[in-house]
């Protein structure tokens, strides 16, 4: 199993975690570390390091999901992860990637391949949908009797 940490500014990580639990159920070896206003940077960094140490004792690797490339949570995760093996940091986290990884990570032991899959799913989850196009696509999926194929 691969462990997960989700972190980001404010309510980003707790919000995604709640949505993930609602859709995919409670997650084992899954930790949320919010970077909140007023939190001392050294306290935040120590929290990430301690959580990494704990998860690595129970899992075969850890994925750290962050919100924003270059932001404090990302930079802190990168620095903390450099002291450990089998830890990968991702940024630009979205709900589709967390759902996919939440369901797959129990059966996976290769943190690098899981990180790659997370990026693929996260990228696929970003789309610009126009109402007219979505309605045409729904019409295309109906048979001659107006029922779904």
C-alpha atoms as a PDB file:
ATOM      1  CA  UNK A   1       0.000   0.000   0.000  1.00  0.00           C
ATOM      2  CA  UNK A   2       1.068   3.551  -0.733  1.00  0.00           C
ATOM      3  CA  UNK A   3       0.343   6.174   1.904  1.00  0.00           C
ATOM      4  CA  UNK A   4      -0.925   9.644   1.061  1.00  0.00           C
ATOM      5  CA  UNK A   5      -0.589  13.132   2.458  1.00  0.00           C
ATOM      6  CA  UNK A   6      -2.748  15.939   1.115  1.00  0.00           C
ATOM      7  CA  UNK A   7      -1.651  19.449   1.931  1.00  0.00           C
ATOM      8  CA  UNK A   8      -2.338  22.951   0.747  1.00  0.00           C
ATOM      9  CA  UNK A   9      -3.390  26.430   1.706  1.00  0.00           C
ATOM     10  CA  UNK A  10      -6.326  26.920   4.079  1.00  0.00           C
ATOM     11  CA  UNK A  11      -9.214  24.499   3.632  1.00  0.00           C
ATOM     12  CA  UNK A  12      -7.913  23.007   0.370  1.00  0.00           C
ATOM     13  CA  UNK A  13      -6.678  19.715   1.864  1.00  0.00           C
ATOM     14  CA  UNK A  14      -9.486  19.174   4.401  1.00  0.00           C
ATOM     15  CA  UNK A  15     -12.081  19.961   1.733  1.00  0.00           C
ATOM     16  CA  UNK A  16     -10.659  17.499  -0.790  1.00  0.00           C
ATOM     17  CA  UNK A  17     -10.323  14.864   1.915  1.00  0.00           C
ATOM     18  CA  UNK A  18     -13.991  15.231   2.891  1.00  0.00           C
ATOM     19  CA  UNK A  19     -15.069  14.977  -0.750  1.00  0.00           C
ATOM     20  CA  UNK A  20     -12.880  11.895  -1.261  1.00  0.00           C
ATOM     21  CA  UNK A  21     -14.358  10.196   1.802  1.00  0.00           C
ATOM     22  CA  UNK A  22     -17.868  11.000   0.605  1.00  0.00           C
ATOM     23  CA  UNK A  23     -17.216   9.409  -2.801  1.00  0.00           C
ATOM     24  CA  UNK A  24     -14.695   6.621  -2.159  1.00  0.00           C
ATOM     25  CA  UNK A  25     -15.039   5.948   1.569  1.00  0.00           C
ATOM     26  CA  UNK A  26     -12.662   6.321   4.500  1.00  0.00           C
ATOM     27  CA  UNK A  27      -9.013   6.039   3.487  1.00  0.00           C
ATOM     28  CA  UNK A  28      -6.324   4.162   5.412  1.00  0.00           C
ATOM     29  CA  UNK A  29      -2.847   5.672   5.728  1.00  0.00           C
ATOM     30  CA  UNK A  30      -4.184   8.962   4.395  1.00  0.00           C
ATOM     31  CA  UNK A  31      -3.276  12.153   6.229  1.00  0.00           C
ATOM     32  CA  UNK A  32      -4.354  15.770   5.797  1.00  0.00           C
ATOM     33  CA  UNK A  33      -2.049  18.609   6.771  1.00  0.00           C
ATOM     34  CA  UNK A  34      -3.491  22.070   6.214  1.00  0.00           C
ATOM     35  CA  UNK A  35      -1.206  25.077   5.906  1.00  0.00           C
ATOM     36  CA  UNK A  36      -3.298  27.605   7.766  1.00  0.00           C
ATOM     37  CA  UNK A  37      -2.816  31.302   8.242  1.00  0.00           C
ATOM     38  CA  UNK A  38      -0.791  31.977  11.364  1.00  0.00           C
ATOM     39  CA  UNK A  39       0.820  28.526  11.450  1.00  0.00           C
ATOM     40  CA  UNK A  40       4.578  28.790  12.002  1.00  0.00           C
ATOM     41  CA  UNK A  41       6.532  27.410   9.051  1.00  0.00           C
ATOM     42  CA  UNK A  42       8.771  25.253  11.254  1.00  0.00           C
ATOM     43  CA  UNK A  43       5.689  23.724  12.924  1.00  0.00           C
ATOM     44  CA  UNK A  44       4.176  22.973   9.523  1.00  0.00           C
ATOM     45  CA  UNK A  45       7.422  21.436   8.240  1.00  0.00           C
ATOM     46  CA  UNK A  46       7.799  19.275  11.346  1.00  0.00           C
ATOM     47  CA  UNK A  47       4.223  18.061  10.920  1.00  0.00           C
ATOM     48  CA  UNK A  48       4.960  16.942   7.354  1.00  0.00           C
ATOM     49  CA  UNK A  49       8.218  15.223   8.383  1.00  0.00           C
ATOM     50  CA  UNK A  50       6.612  13.413  11.332  1.00  0.00           C
ATOM     51  CA  UNK A  51       3.669  12.308   9.188  1.00  0.00           C
ATOM     52  CA  UNK A  52       6.038  11.025   6.489  1.00  0.00           C
ATOM     53  CA  UNK A  53       8.031   9.037   9.047  1.00  0.00           C
ATOM     54  CA  UNK A  54       4.867   7.481  10.447  1.00  0.00           C
ATOM     55  CA  UNK A  55       3.395   6.585   7.063  1.00  0.00           C
ATOM     56  CA  UNK A  56       6.660   5.104   5.788  1.00  0.00           C
ATOM     57  CA  UNK A  57       6.693   2.710   8.751  1.00  0.00           C
ATOM     58  CA  UNK A  58       3.313   1.347   7.633  1.00  0.00           C
ATOM     59  CA  UNK A  59       3.447   1.633   3.821  1.00  0.00           C
ATOM     60  CA  UNK A  60       5.741   0.980   0.869  1.00  0.00           C
ATOM     61  CA  UNK A  61       5.915   4.650  -0.111  1.00  0.00           C
ATOM     62  CA  UNK A  62       4.100   7.962   0.183  1.00  0.00           C
ATOM     63  CA  UNK A  63       2.536  10.340  -2.306  1.00  0.00           C
ATOM     64  CA  UNK A  64       2.264  13.940  -1.169  1.00  0.00           C
ATOM     65  CA  UNK A  65      -0.452  15.884  -2.975  1.00  0.00           C
ATOM     66  CA  UNK A  66      -0.075  19.681  -2.906  1.00  0.00           C
ATOM     67  CA  UNK A  67      -2.171  22.508  -4.278  1.00  0.00           C
ATOM     68  CA  UNK A  68       0.045  25.039  -6.007  1.00  0.00           C
ATOM     69  CA  UNK A  69       3.411  24.758  -7.746  1.00  0.00           C
ATOM     70  CA  UNK A  70       5.879  27.008  -5.942  1.00  0.00           C
ATOM     71  CA  UNK A  71       3.610  27.622  -2.947  1.00  0.00           C
ATOM     72  CA  UNK A  72       4.705  27.063   0.637  1.00  0.00           C
ATOM     73  CA  UNK A  73       3.020  23.624   0.940  1.00  0.00           C
ATOM     74  CA  UNK A  74       4.728  22.448  -2.257  1.00  0.00           C
ATOM     75  CA  UNK A  75       8.152  23.809  -1.304  1.00  0.00           C
ATOM     76  CA  UNK A  76       7.882  22.412   2.224  1.00  0.00           C
ATOM     77  CA  UNK A  77       6.833  18.990   0.930  1.00  0.00           C
ATOM     78  CA  UNK A  78       9.733  18.953  -1.530  1.00  0.00           C
ATOM     79  CA  UNK A  79      12.255  19.818   1.175  1.00  0.00           C
ATOM     80  CA  UNK A  80      10.836  17.315   3.668  1.00  0.00           C
ATOM     81  CA  UNK A  81      10.620  14.514   1.093  1.00  0.00           C
ATOM     82  CA  UNK A  82      14.275  14.912   0.123  1.00  0.00           C
ATOM     83  CA  UNK A  83      15.229  13.179   3.392  1.00  0.00           C
ATOM     84  CA  UNK A  84      13.254  10.027   2.588  1.00  0.00           C
ATOM     85  CA  UNK A  85      13.116   7.292  -0.039  1.00  0.00           C
ATOM     86  CA  UNK A  86       9.954   6.235  -1.860  1.00  0.00           C
ATOM     87  CA  UNK A  87       8.263   9.608  -1.528  1.00  0.00           C
ATOM     88  CA  UNK A  88       6.872  11.539  -4.488  1.00  0.00           C
ATOM     89  CA  UNK A  89       5.401  15.052  -4.465  1.00  0.00           C
ATOM     90  CA  UNK A  90       2.631  16.101  -6.834  1.00  0.00           C
ATOM     91  CA  UNK A  91       1.181  19.546  -7.347  1.00  0.00           C
ATOM     92  CA  UNK A  92      -2.022  20.804  -8.952  1.00  0.00           C
ATOM     93  CA  UNK A  93      -4.032  18.215  -7.045  1.00  0.00           C
ATOM     94  CA  UNK A  94      -7.656  17.710  -8.020  1.00  0.00           C
ATOM     95  CA  UNK A  95     -10.473  15.430  -6.891  1.00  0.00           C
ATOM     96  CA  UNK A  96     -10.390  13.021  -9.865  1.00  0.00           C
ATOM     97  CA  UNK A  97      -6.750  12.151  -9.148  1.00  0.00           C
ATOM     98  CA  UNK A  98      -7.423  11.616  -5.439  1.00  0.00           C
ATOM     99  CA  UNK A  99     -10.380   9.326  -6.139  1.00  0.00           C
ATOM    100  CA  UNK A 100      -8.383   7.211  -8.598  1.00  0.00           C
ATOM    101  CA  UNK A 101      -5.362   6.934  -6.324  1.00  0.00           C
ATOM    102  CA  UNK A 102      -7.545   6.354  -3.284  1.00  0.00           C
ATOM    103  CA  UNK A 103      -8.971   3.296  -5.014  1.00  0.00           C
ATOM    104  CA  UNK A 104      -5.695   2.036  -6.557  1.00  0.00           C
ATOM    105  CA  UNK A 105      -3.081   2.567  -3.864  1.00  0.00           C
ATOM    106  CA  UNK A 106      -4.053  -0.449  -1.768  1.00  0.00           C
ATOM    107  CA  UNK A 107      -2.882  -2.745  -4.557  1.00  0.00           C
ATOM    108  CA  UNK A 108       0.187  -0.750  -5.631  1.00  0.00           C
ATOM    109  CA  UNK A 109       3.723  -0.842  -4.253  1.00  0.00           C
ATOM    110  CA  UNK A 110       5.502   1.360  -6.811  1.00  0.00           C
ATOM    111  CA  UNK A 111       5.129   4.975  -5.720  1.00  0.00           C
ATOM    112  CA  UNK A 112       6.603   6.347  -8.967  1.00  0.00           C
ATOM    113  CA  UNK A 113       4.110   4.538 -11.211  1.00  0.00           C
ATOM    114  CA  UNK A 114       1.246   5.592  -8.943  1.00  0.00           C
ATOM    115  CA  UNK A 115       2.442   9.201  -9.142  1.00  0.00           C
ATOM    116  CA  UNK A 116       2.498   8.957 -12.932  1.00  0.00           C
ATOM    117  CA  UNK A 117      -1.052   7.561 -12.959  1.00  0.00           C
ATOM    118  CA  UNK A 118      -2.219  10.358 -10.647  1.00  0.00           C
ATOM    119  CA  UNK A 119      -0.923  12.976 -13.079  1.00  0.00           C
ATOM    120  CA  UNK A 120      -2.629  11.241 -16.023  1.00  0.00           C
ATOM    121  CA  UNK A 121      -5.995  11.075 -14.254  1.00  0.00           C
ATOM    122  CA  UNK A 122      -5.676  14.596 -12.894  1.00  0.00           C
ATOM    123  CA  UNK A 123      -4.965  15.933 -16.363  1.00  0.00           C
ATOM    124  CA  UNK A 124      -7.883  14.003 -17.891  1.00  0.00           C
ATOM    125  CA  UNK A 125     -10.149  15.476 -15.213  1.00  0.00           C
ATOM    126  CA  UNK A 126      -9.544  19.005 -16.491  1.00  0.00           C
ATOM    127  CA  UNK A 127     -11.925  19.807 -19.312  1.00  0.00           C
ATOM    128  CA  UNK A 128     -13.800  22.758 -20.714  1.00  0.00           C
ATOM    129  CA  UNK A 129     -17.356  21.585 -21.231  1.00  0.00           C
ATOM    130  CA  UNK A 130     -19.822  23.744 -23.137  1.00  0.00           C
ATOM    131  CA  UNK A 131     -23.505  23.068 -22.433  1.00  0.00           C
ATOM    132  CA  UNK A 132     -24.424  22.784 -26.117  1.00  0.00           C
ATOM    133  CA  UNK A 133     -21.643  20.242 -26.743  1.00  0.00           C
ATOM    134  CA  UNK A 134     -22.644  18.230 -23.683  1.00  0.00           C
ATOM    135  CA  UNK A 135     -26.277  18.110 -24.845  1.00  0.00           C
ATOM    136  CA  UNK A 136     -25.232  16.990 -28.350  1.00  0.00           C
ATOM    137  CA  UNK A 137     -23.069  14.248 -26.846  1.00  0.00           C
ATOM    138  CA  UNK A 138     -26.002  13.058 -24.718  1.00  0.00           C
ATOM    139  CA  UNK A 139     -28.240  13.006 -27.843  1.00  0.00           C
ATOM    140  CA  UNK A 140     -25.622  10.957 -29.708  1.00  0.00           C
ATOM    141  CA  UNK A 141     -25.814   8.321 -26.978  1.00  0.00           C
ATOM    142  CA  UNK A 142     -29.561   7.728 -27.484  1.00  0.00           C
ATOM    143  CA  UNK A 143     -30.895   5.014 -29.794  1.00  0.00           C
ATOM    144  CA  UNK A 144     -33.783   5.423 -32.268  1.00  0.00           C
ATOM    145  CA  UNK A 145     -36.360   4.999 -29.461  1.00  0.00           C
ATOM    146  CA  UNK A 146     -34.825   7.817 -27.408  1.00  0.00           C
ATOM    147  CA  UNK A 147     -33.363   5.419 -24.850  1.00  0.00           C
ATOM    148  CA  UNK A 148     -29.749   5.245 -23.731  1.00  0.00           C
ATOM    149  CA  UNK A 149     -27.460   2.857 -25.542  1.00  0.00           C
END
